[in-house]
Amino acid sequence: MPTALELFDAVSARTFRVLPTGLPHLDGLLSGGLAPGEMLELCGAATSGKSHVGLAAAVAGESSLVRLSTLLISLNSEFQA
């Protein structure tokens, strides 16, 4: 658990190592959570929990002590470039 001074320094510098998603198993796969400034793409079958993971990460960012912004993009059906 970070100290108050470490949180203050992080907020002041806007540097964070990882943002826990709130999903312990996923955080374990991601070495602790989502890395700020990086993008994570989730692929899977319908009803596999992709939207749940995205919303959990957004909630974790909003409810964290440092109030991080998140962007969730959800594509229905197929994505064709």
Protein backbone atom coordinates (compact mmCIF):
# COMPACT_ATOMS: atom_id res chain seq x y z
CA MET A 1 0.00 0.00 0.00
CA PRO A 2 1.51 3.34 -1.03
CA THR A 3 2.02 6.06 1.54
CA ALA A 4 0.22 9.40 1.35
CA LEU A 5 3.45 11.05 0.22
CA GLU A 6 3.92 8.48 -2.56
CA LEU A 7 0.34 9.05 -3.75
CA PHE A 8 0.85 12.80 -3.66
CA ASP A 9 4.06 12.50 -5.65
CA ALA A 10 2.35 10.20 -8.17
CA VAL A 11 -0.57 12.58 -8.62
CA SER A 12 1.76 15.55 -8.92
CA ALA A 13 3.92 13.86 -11.53
CA ARG A 14 0.98 11.97 -13.11
CA THR A 15 3.17 8.87 -13.19
CA PHE A 16 1.71 5.55 -12.18
CA ARG A 17 3.11 2.08 -12.49
CA VAL A 18 -0.14 0.12 -12.90
CA LEU A 19 -3.85 0.51 -12.29
CA PRO A 20 -5.37 -2.60 -10.73
CA THR A 21 -8.50 -3.65 -12.64
CA GLY A 22 -10.25 -4.92 -9.54
CA LEU A 23 -10.17 -8.43 -11.02
CA PRO A 24 -7.44 -10.33 -9.14
CA HIS A 25 -6.92 -13.05 -11.75
CA LEU A 26 -6.56 -10.53 -14.59
CA ASP A 27 -4.26 -8.34 -12.50
CA GLY A 28 -2.07 -11.39 -11.96
CA LEU A 29 -1.80 -11.92 -15.72
CA LEU A 30 -1.04 -8.23 -16.26
CA SER A 31 1.71 -8.02 -13.61
CA GLY A 32 -0.49 -6.06 -11.24
CA GLY A 33 -2.89 -4.22 -13.54
CA LEU A 34 -3.15 -1.94 -16.53
CA ALA A 35 -0.14 0.18 -17.44
CA PRO A 36 -0.99 3.87 -17.92
CA GLY A 37 -0.60 5.07 -21.48
CA GLU A 38 -0.96 1.60 -22.94
CA MET A 39 -3.83 -0.03 -24.74
CA LEU A 40 -5.25 -3.45 -23.95
CA GLU A 41 -7.30 -5.32 -26.53
CA LEU A 42 -9.59 -8.07 -25.32
CA CYS A 43 -10.98 -10.59 -27.78
CA GLY A 44 -13.34 -13.44 -27.11
CA ALA A 45 -16.65 -15.06 -27.80
CA ALA A 46 -19.93 -13.32 -27.08
CA THR A 47 -20.79 -13.31 -23.37
CA SER A 48 -17.19 -14.14 -22.37
CA GLY A 49 -16.88 -11.06 -20.12
CA LYS A 50 -14.99 -8.58 -22.30
CA SER A 51 -17.32 -5.69 -21.47
CA HIS A 52 -17.21 -6.60 -17.77
CA VAL A 53 -13.43 -6.36 -17.77
CA GLY A 54 -13.52 -2.98 -19.50
CA LEU A 55 -16.13 -1.57 -17.15
CA ALA A 56 -14.30 -2.95 -14.10
CA ALA A 57 -11.12 -1.20 -15.24
CA ALA A 58 -13.00 2.06 -15.78
CA VAL A 59 -14.56 1.84 -12.32
CA ALA A 60 -11.18 1.01 -10.77
CA GLY A 61 -9.64 4.10 -12.40
CA GLU A 62 -12.45 6.39 -11.33
CA SER A 63 -12.58 5.10 -7.78
CA SER A 64 -8.81 5.01 -7.24
CA LEU A 65 -7.23 7.63 -5.01
CA VAL A 66 -5.64 9.26 -8.03
CA ARG A 67 -8.84 9.35 -10.19
CA LEU A 68 -7.51 8.21 -13.56
CA SER A 69 -9.40 8.70 -16.80
CA THR A 70 -10.19 5.64 -18.88
CA LEU A 71 -11.55 5.12 -22.36
CA LEU A 72 -13.62 2.05 -23.23
CA ILE A 73 -14.29 1.35 -26.89
CA SER A 74 -16.69 -1.48 -27.62
CA LEU A 75 -17.17 -2.79 -31.13
CA ASN A 76 -20.22 -4.86 -31.98
CA SER A 77 -19.98 -7.72 -34.48
CA GLU A 78 -16.86 -7.55 -36.60
CA PHE A 79 -14.24 -4.91 -37.05
CA GLN A 80 -13.01 -4.62 -40.60
CA ALA A 81 -10.18 -2.32 -41.57
